[in-house]
Amino acid sequence: MILATLSILSEFIGIMLLSIYGVPNKKLYDSILLDSVLSEEEEIKIFVRSKYGLISLLFGLILQMGSMIQIIYNS
């Protein structure tokens, strides 16, 4: 039960980070298409946060699979 709760929490955090910062991508913008240009520091912050979101989502998936295995073996 605890694993299932942690997995849902981890997946929620991952989804929120990915929805805010997008999928990790080294090249975040095309200077021809956009009027404003992000600084390199802002680009790195967005890349790192989106990477944390993806890792959190995958960690939640692994916890959820572990929770299901635990339920199967305990019943």
C-alpha atoms as a PDB file:
ATOM      1  CA  MET A   1       0.000   0.000   0.000  1.00  0.00           C
ATOM      2  CA  ILE A   2       2.838   2.361   0.841  1.00  0.00           C
ATOM      3  CA  LEU A   3       4.589   1.594  -2.455  1.00  0.00           C
ATOM      4  CA  ALA A   4       1.411   2.334  -4.387  1.00  0.00           C
ATOM      5  CA  THR A   5       1.011   5.677  -2.627  1.00  0.00           C
ATOM      6  CA  LEU A   6       4.639   6.631  -3.240  1.00  0.00           C
ATOM      7  CA  SER A   7       4.371   5.623  -6.886  1.00  0.00           C
ATOM      8  CA  ILE A   8       1.288   7.776  -7.420  1.00  0.00           C
ATOM      9  CA  LEU A   9       2.986  10.728  -5.722  1.00  0.00           C
ATOM     10  CA  SER A  10       6.159  10.281  -7.774  1.00  0.00           C
ATOM     11  CA  GLU A  11       4.213   9.979 -11.031  1.00  0.00           C
ATOM     12  CA  PHE A  12       2.178  13.078 -10.177  1.00  0.00           C
ATOM     13  CA  ILE A  13       5.338  15.115  -9.550  1.00  0.00           C
ATOM     14  CA  GLY A  14       6.854  13.812 -12.785  1.00  0.00           C
ATOM     15  CA  ILE A  15       3.767  14.667 -14.823  1.00  0.00           C
ATOM     16  CA  MET A  16       3.602  18.157 -13.321  1.00  0.00           C
ATOM     17  CA  LEU A  17       7.266  18.856 -14.092  1.00  0.00           C
ATOM     18  CA  LEU A  18       6.945  17.512 -17.623  1.00  0.00           C
ATOM     19  CA  SER A  19       3.806  19.525 -18.280  1.00  0.00           C
ATOM     20  CA  ILE A  20       5.482  22.724 -17.050  1.00  0.00           C
ATOM     21  CA  TYR A  21       8.960  22.306 -18.561  1.00  0.00           C
ATOM     22  CA  GLY A  22       8.328  19.879 -21.409  1.00  0.00           C
ATOM     23  CA  VAL A  23      10.264  16.831 -22.476  1.00  0.00           C
ATOM     24  CA  PRO A  24      14.054  17.058 -21.966  1.00  0.00           C
ATOM     25  CA  ASN A  25      15.557  18.614 -25.069  1.00  0.00           C
ATOM     26  CA  LYS A  26      18.994  20.163 -25.445  1.00  0.00           C
ATOM     27  CA  LYS A  27      17.829  22.676 -28.022  1.00  0.00           C
ATOM     28  CA  LEU A  28      14.841  24.362 -26.411  1.00  0.00           C
ATOM     29  CA  TYR A  29      14.174  27.075 -28.913  1.00  0.00           C
ATOM     30  CA  ASP A  30      14.772  28.162 -32.461  1.00  0.00           C
ATOM     31  CA  SER A  31      15.965  31.749 -32.472  1.00  0.00           C
ATOM     32  CA  ILE A  32      14.440  32.368 -35.896  1.00  0.00           C
ATOM     33  CA  LEU A  33      10.925  31.423 -34.764  1.00  0.00           C
ATOM     34  CA  LEU A  34      10.931  33.117 -31.352  1.00  0.00           C
ATOM     35  CA  ASP A  35      11.319  36.821 -30.609  1.00  0.00           C
ATOM     36  CA  SER A  36      12.801  36.339 -27.144  1.00  0.00           C
ATOM     37  CA  VAL A  37      15.902  34.276 -26.598  1.00  0.00           C
ATOM     38  CA  LEU A  38      16.522  32.319 -23.420  1.00  0.00           C
ATOM     39  CA  SER A  39      19.870  32.686 -21.728  1.00  0.00           C
ATOM     40  CA  GLU A  40      22.035  29.620 -21.450  1.00  0.00           C
ATOM     41  CA  GLU A  41      21.484  29.526 -17.689  1.00  0.00           C
ATOM     42  CA  GLU A  42      17.690  29.458 -18.101  1.00  0.00           C
ATOM     43  CA  GLU A  43      18.029  26.766 -20.754  1.00  0.00           C
ATOM     44  CA  ILE A  44      20.052  24.568 -18.392  1.00  0.00           C
ATOM     45  CA  LYS A  45      17.510  25.074 -15.557  1.00  0.00           C
ATOM     46  CA  ILE A  46      14.638  24.021 -17.798  1.00  0.00           C
ATOM     47  CA  PHE A  47      16.571  21.014 -19.111  1.00  0.00           C
ATOM     48  CA  VAL A  48      17.487  19.808 -15.609  1.00  0.00           C
ATOM     49  CA  ARG A  49      13.952  20.246 -14.247  1.00  0.00           C
ATOM     50  CA  SER A  50      12.418  18.427 -17.191  1.00  0.00           C
ATOM     51  CA  LYS A  51      14.951  15.642 -16.718  1.00  0.00           C
ATOM     52  CA  TYR A  52      13.938  15.368 -13.041  1.00  0.00           C
ATOM     53  CA  GLY A  53      10.324  15.127 -14.191  1.00  0.00           C
ATOM     54  CA  LEU A  54      11.096  12.260 -16.529  1.00  0.00           C
ATOM     55  CA  ILE A  55      13.139  10.449 -13.869  1.00  0.00           C
ATOM     56  CA  SER A  56      10.353  10.925 -11.325  1.00  0.00           C
ATOM     57  CA  LEU A  57       7.782   9.547 -13.759  1.00  0.00           C
ATOM     58  CA  LEU A  58       9.913   6.464 -14.491  1.00  0.00           C
ATOM     59  CA  PHE A  59      10.633   5.963 -10.779  1.00  0.00           C
ATOM     60  CA  GLY A  60       6.896   6.046 -10.075  1.00  0.00           C
ATOM     61  CA  LEU A  61       6.313   3.445 -12.772  1.00  0.00           C
ATOM     62  CA  ILE A  62       8.936   1.143 -11.240  1.00  0.00           C
ATOM     63  CA  LEU A  63       7.418   1.599  -7.776  1.00  0.00           C
ATOM     64  CA  GLN A  64       3.983   0.818  -9.160  1.00  0.00           C
ATOM     65  CA  MET A  65       5.248  -2.402 -10.741  1.00  0.00           C
ATOM     66  CA  GLY A  66       6.901  -3.334  -7.437  1.00  0.00           C
ATOM     67  CA  SER A  67       3.651  -2.661  -5.634  1.00  0.00           C
ATOM     68  CA  MET A  68       1.748  -4.954  -7.979  1.00  0.00           C
ATOM     69  CA  ILE A  69       4.334  -7.713  -7.526  1.00  0.00           C
ATOM     70  CA  GLN A  70       4.060  -7.310  -3.763  1.00  0.00           C
ATOM     71  CA  ILE A  71       0.269  -7.607  -3.929  1.00  0.00           C
ATOM     72  CA  ILE A  72       0.474 -10.743  -6.092  1.00  0.00           C
ATOM     73  CA  TYR A  73       2.931 -12.520  -3.776  1.00  0.00           C
ATOM     74  CA  ASN A  74       1.097 -11.545  -0.569  1.00  0.00           C
ATOM     75  CA  SER A  75      -2.265 -12.888  -1.698  1.00  0.00           C
END
